[in-house]
Amino acid sequence: MKLLTVAETAAICRQTVDQTYVQIREDRLPGVVRIGRKILVREDSLFAWLESGGAALPGGWRKAAAR
């Protein structure tokens, strides 16, 4: 299992680091691992999610919109 930094994850997803942090904070990115203050993403989970179309995870943005 390889762990990616937030910057590496952002580059793979072709988005900014800030956008990636938003996805992590809103639990929309799979495979997030927190070790102390460090945030890493499991490479296998990320690629599986991207291959499935990068679909929203259960509760995603709809959870925030319902508030």
C-alpha atoms as a PDB file:
ATOM      1  CA  MET A   1       0.000   0.000   0.000  1.00  0.00           C
ATOM      2  CA  LYS A   2       1.483   3.300  -1.105  1.00  0.00           C
ATOM      3  CA  LEU A   3       0.477   6.535   0.604  1.00  0.00           C
ATOM      4  CA  LEU A   4       0.353   9.799  -1.338  1.00  0.00           C
ATOM      5  CA  THR A   5       0.775  13.318  -0.028  1.00  0.00           C
ATOM      6  CA  VAL A   6      -1.987  15.858  -0.565  1.00  0.00           C
ATOM      7  CA  ALA A   7       0.119  17.546  -3.276  1.00  0.00           C
ATOM      8  CA  GLU A   8       0.601  14.232  -5.114  1.00  0.00           C
ATOM      9  CA  THR A   9      -3.124  13.502  -4.827  1.00  0.00           C
ATOM     10  CA  ALA A  10      -3.978  16.948  -6.213  1.00  0.00           C
ATOM     11  CA  ALA A  11      -1.652  16.405  -9.179  1.00  0.00           C
ATOM     12  CA  ILE A  12      -3.241  13.025  -9.977  1.00  0.00           C
ATOM     13  CA  CYS A  13      -6.743  14.534  -9.753  1.00  0.00           C
ATOM     14  CA  ARG A  14      -5.609  17.603 -11.741  1.00  0.00           C
ATOM     15  CA  GLN A  15      -6.864  20.056  -9.175  1.00  0.00           C
ATOM     16  CA  THR A  16      -5.328  22.498  -6.734  1.00  0.00           C
ATOM     17  CA  VAL A  17      -4.059  21.490  -3.321  1.00  0.00           C
ATOM     18  CA  ASP A  18      -6.721  23.753  -1.771  1.00  0.00           C
ATOM     19  CA  GLN A  19      -9.497  21.916  -3.630  1.00  0.00           C
ATOM     20  CA  THR A  20      -8.070  18.608  -2.425  1.00  0.00           C
ATOM     21  CA  TYR A  21      -8.096  19.799   1.187  1.00  0.00           C
ATOM     22  CA  VAL A  22     -11.758  20.818   0.766  1.00  0.00           C
ATOM     23  CA  GLN A  23     -12.592  17.321  -0.508  1.00  0.00           C
ATOM     24  CA  ILE A  24     -10.761  15.775   2.450  1.00  0.00           C
ATOM     25  CA  ARG A  25     -12.472  18.066   4.955  1.00  0.00           C
ATOM     26  CA  GLU A  26     -15.907  17.255   3.486  1.00  0.00           C
ATOM     27  CA  ASP A  27     -15.179  13.486   3.425  1.00  0.00           C
ATOM     28  CA  ARG A  28     -15.539  13.330  -0.370  1.00  0.00           C
ATOM     29  CA  LEU A  29     -12.134  11.748  -1.033  1.00  0.00           C
ATOM     30  CA  PRO A  30     -11.623   8.042  -0.240  1.00  0.00           C
ATOM     31  CA  GLY A  31      -8.614   6.451   1.416  1.00  0.00           C
ATOM     32  CA  VAL A  32      -7.647   9.374   3.640  1.00  0.00           C
ATOM     33  CA  VAL A  33      -5.226   8.411   6.419  1.00  0.00           C
ATOM     34  CA  ARG A  34      -4.305  10.792   9.213  1.00  0.00           C
ATOM     35  CA  ILE A  35      -1.052  10.241  11.074  1.00  0.00           C
ATOM     36  CA  GLY A  36      -0.824  12.948  13.691  1.00  0.00           C
ATOM     37  CA  ARG A  37      -1.162  16.185  11.739  1.00  0.00           C
ATOM     38  CA  LYS A  38      -0.063  14.604   8.458  1.00  0.00           C
ATOM     39  CA  ILE A  39      -2.732  13.739   5.887  1.00  0.00           C
ATOM     40  CA  LEU A  40      -2.026  11.000   3.365  1.00  0.00           C
ATOM     41  CA  VAL A  41      -4.186   9.232   0.783  1.00  0.00           C
ATOM     42  CA  ARG A  42      -4.070   5.529  -0.073  1.00  0.00           C
ATOM     43  CA  GLU A  43      -3.062   5.243  -3.707  1.00  0.00           C
ATOM     44  CA  ASP A  44      -5.106   2.073  -4.341  1.00  0.00           C
ATOM     45  CA  SER A  45      -8.294   3.659  -2.955  1.00  0.00           C
ATOM     46  CA  LEU A  46      -7.763   6.842  -4.962  1.00  0.00           C
ATOM     47  CA  PHE A  47      -7.256   5.028  -8.285  1.00  0.00           C
ATOM     48  CA  ALA A  48     -10.213   2.691  -7.669  1.00  0.00           C
ATOM     49  CA  TRP A  49     -12.394   5.739  -6.952  1.00  0.00           C
ATOM     50  CA  LEU A  50     -11.174   7.545 -10.073  1.00  0.00           C
ATOM     51  CA  GLU A  51     -11.735   4.465 -12.254  1.00  0.00           C
ATOM     52  CA  SER A  52     -15.307   4.222 -10.973  1.00  0.00           C
ATOM     53  CA  GLY A  53     -15.873   7.751 -12.243  1.00  0.00           C
ATOM     54  CA  GLY A  54     -14.926   9.658  -9.110  1.00  0.00           C
ATOM     55  CA  ALA A  55     -18.499   9.412  -7.898  1.00  0.00           C
ATOM     56  CA  ALA A  56     -19.505  11.264  -4.771  1.00  0.00           C
ATOM     57  CA  LEU A  57     -19.287   9.242  -1.605  1.00  0.00           C
ATOM     58  CA  PRO A  58     -22.467   8.614   0.427  1.00  0.00           C
ATOM     59  CA  GLY A  59     -23.609  11.800   2.120  1.00  0.00           C
ATOM     60  CA  GLY A  60     -21.206  13.984   0.044  1.00  0.00           C
ATOM     61  CA  TRP A  61     -22.373  17.449  -0.980  1.00  0.00           C
ATOM     62  CA  ARG A  62     -26.037  16.634  -0.406  1.00  0.00           C
ATOM     63  CA  LYS A  63     -25.338  16.341   3.317  1.00  0.00           C
ATOM     64  CA  ALA A  64     -23.999  19.913   3.346  1.00  0.00           C
ATOM     65  CA  ALA A  65     -26.880  21.193   1.185  1.00  0.00           C
ATOM     66  CA  ALA A  66     -29.481  19.755   3.589  1.00  0.00           C
ATOM     67  CA  ARG A  67     -28.279  21.938   6.468  1.00  0.00           C
END
